[in-house]
């Protein structure tokens, strides 16, 4: 199973995080790796946005 980062904006719209400079989603093999990445990533978001780790198939 893989994991991805879901970003949620102020209006409730949901998006999956893409790899920087690519047309593919940023995925992780281990939940712990995704969670660590998300912790740092979420610190860069505007206050009205949030992110969460989700399963990616």
C-alpha atoms as a PDB file:
ATOM      1  CA  UNK A   1       0.000   0.000   0.000  1.00  0.00           C
ATOM      2  CA  UNK A   2       1.143   3.539  -0.728  1.00  0.00           C
ATOM      3  CA  UNK A   3       0.306   6.818   0.968  1.00  0.00           C
ATOM      4  CA  UNK A   4      -0.194  10.363  -0.318  1.00  0.00           C
ATOM      5  CA  UNK A   5      -0.829  13.826   1.083  1.00  0.00           C
ATOM      6  CA  UNK A   6      -4.326  15.280   0.682  1.00  0.00           C
ATOM      7  CA  UNK A   7      -4.538  19.073   0.861  1.00  0.00           C
ATOM      8  CA  UNK A   8      -7.831  20.695   1.890  1.00  0.00           C
ATOM      9  CA  UNK A   9      -8.484  24.373   1.154  1.00  0.00           C
ATOM     10  CA  UNK A  10     -10.724  26.840   3.005  1.00  0.00           C
ATOM     11  CA  UNK A  11     -13.729  25.929   0.815  1.00  0.00           C
ATOM     12  CA  UNK A  12     -13.354  22.218   1.532  1.00  0.00           C
ATOM     13  CA  UNK A  13     -11.883  21.372  -1.874  1.00  0.00           C
ATOM     14  CA  UNK A  14      -9.507  18.416  -1.701  1.00  0.00           C
ATOM     15  CA  UNK A  15      -6.366  17.864  -3.773  1.00  0.00           C
ATOM     16  CA  UNK A  16      -3.570  15.307  -3.798  1.00  0.00           C
ATOM     17  CA  UNK A  17      -0.064  16.706  -3.576  1.00  0.00           C
ATOM     18  CA  UNK A  18       1.974  16.343  -6.778  1.00  0.00           C
ATOM     19  CA  UNK A  19       5.706  15.873  -6.954  1.00  0.00           C
ATOM     20  CA  UNK A  20       7.478  19.179  -7.506  1.00  0.00           C
ATOM     21  CA  UNK A  21       7.990  19.811 -11.226  1.00  0.00           C
ATOM     22  CA  UNK A  22       6.177  16.623 -12.283  1.00  0.00           C
ATOM     23  CA  UNK A  23       2.698  15.533 -13.312  1.00  0.00           C
ATOM     24  CA  UNK A  24       2.651  12.634 -10.844  1.00  0.00           C
ATOM     25  CA  UNK A  25       1.403  12.449  -7.278  1.00  0.00           C
ATOM     26  CA  UNK A  26       3.844  12.505  -4.364  1.00  0.00           C
ATOM     27  CA  UNK A  27       3.586   9.016  -2.844  1.00  0.00           C
ATOM     28  CA  UNK A  28       5.279   7.196   0.009  1.00  0.00           C
ATOM     29  CA  UNK A  29       5.806   3.487   0.636  1.00  0.00           C
ATOM     30  CA  UNK A  30       5.524   3.798   4.429  1.00  0.00           C
ATOM     31  CA  UNK A  31       2.924   5.664   6.478  1.00  0.00           C
ATOM     32  CA  UNK A  32       5.637   6.974   8.823  1.00  0.00           C
ATOM     33  CA  UNK A  33       7.506   8.577   5.903  1.00  0.00           C
ATOM     34  CA  UNK A  34       4.324  10.246   4.650  1.00  0.00           C
ATOM     35  CA  UNK A  35       3.453  11.424   8.147  1.00  0.00           C
ATOM     36  CA  UNK A  36       6.927  12.910   8.684  1.00  0.00           C
ATOM     37  CA  UNK A  37       6.759  14.699   5.328  1.00  0.00           C
ATOM     38  CA  UNK A  38       3.249  15.958   6.026  1.00  0.00           C
ATOM     39  CA  UNK A  39       4.248  17.365   9.416  1.00  0.00           C
ATOM     40  CA  UNK A  40       6.841  19.615   7.766  1.00  0.00           C
ATOM     41  CA  UNK A  41       4.662  20.336   4.716  1.00  0.00           C
ATOM     42  CA  UNK A  42       1.666  21.421   6.800  1.00  0.00           C
ATOM     43  CA  UNK A  43       3.825  24.081   8.479  1.00  0.00           C
ATOM     44  CA  UNK A  44       4.153  25.807   5.063  1.00  0.00           C
ATOM     45  CA  UNK A  45       0.404  26.041   4.387  1.00  0.00           C
ATOM     46  CA  UNK A  46      -1.754  29.104   4.907  1.00  0.00           C
ATOM     47  CA  UNK A  47      -3.791  28.982   8.109  1.00  0.00           C
ATOM     48  CA  UNK A  48      -7.053  28.256   6.243  1.00  0.00           C
ATOM     49  CA  UNK A  49      -5.576  25.140   4.597  1.00  0.00           C
ATOM     50  CA  UNK A  50      -4.775  21.741   6.057  1.00  0.00           C
ATOM     51  CA  UNK A  51      -3.287  18.443   4.941  1.00  0.00           C
ATOM     52  CA  UNK A  52      -3.595  14.809   5.943  1.00  0.00           C
ATOM     53  CA  UNK A  53      -2.006  11.462   5.010  1.00  0.00           C
ATOM     54  CA  UNK A  54      -4.323   9.177   3.018  1.00  0.00           C
ATOM     55  CA  UNK A  55      -4.042   5.725   1.491  1.00  0.00           C
ATOM     56  CA  UNK A  56      -3.203   5.858  -2.211  1.00  0.00           C
ATOM     57  CA  UNK A  57      -4.102   3.074  -4.644  1.00  0.00           C
END
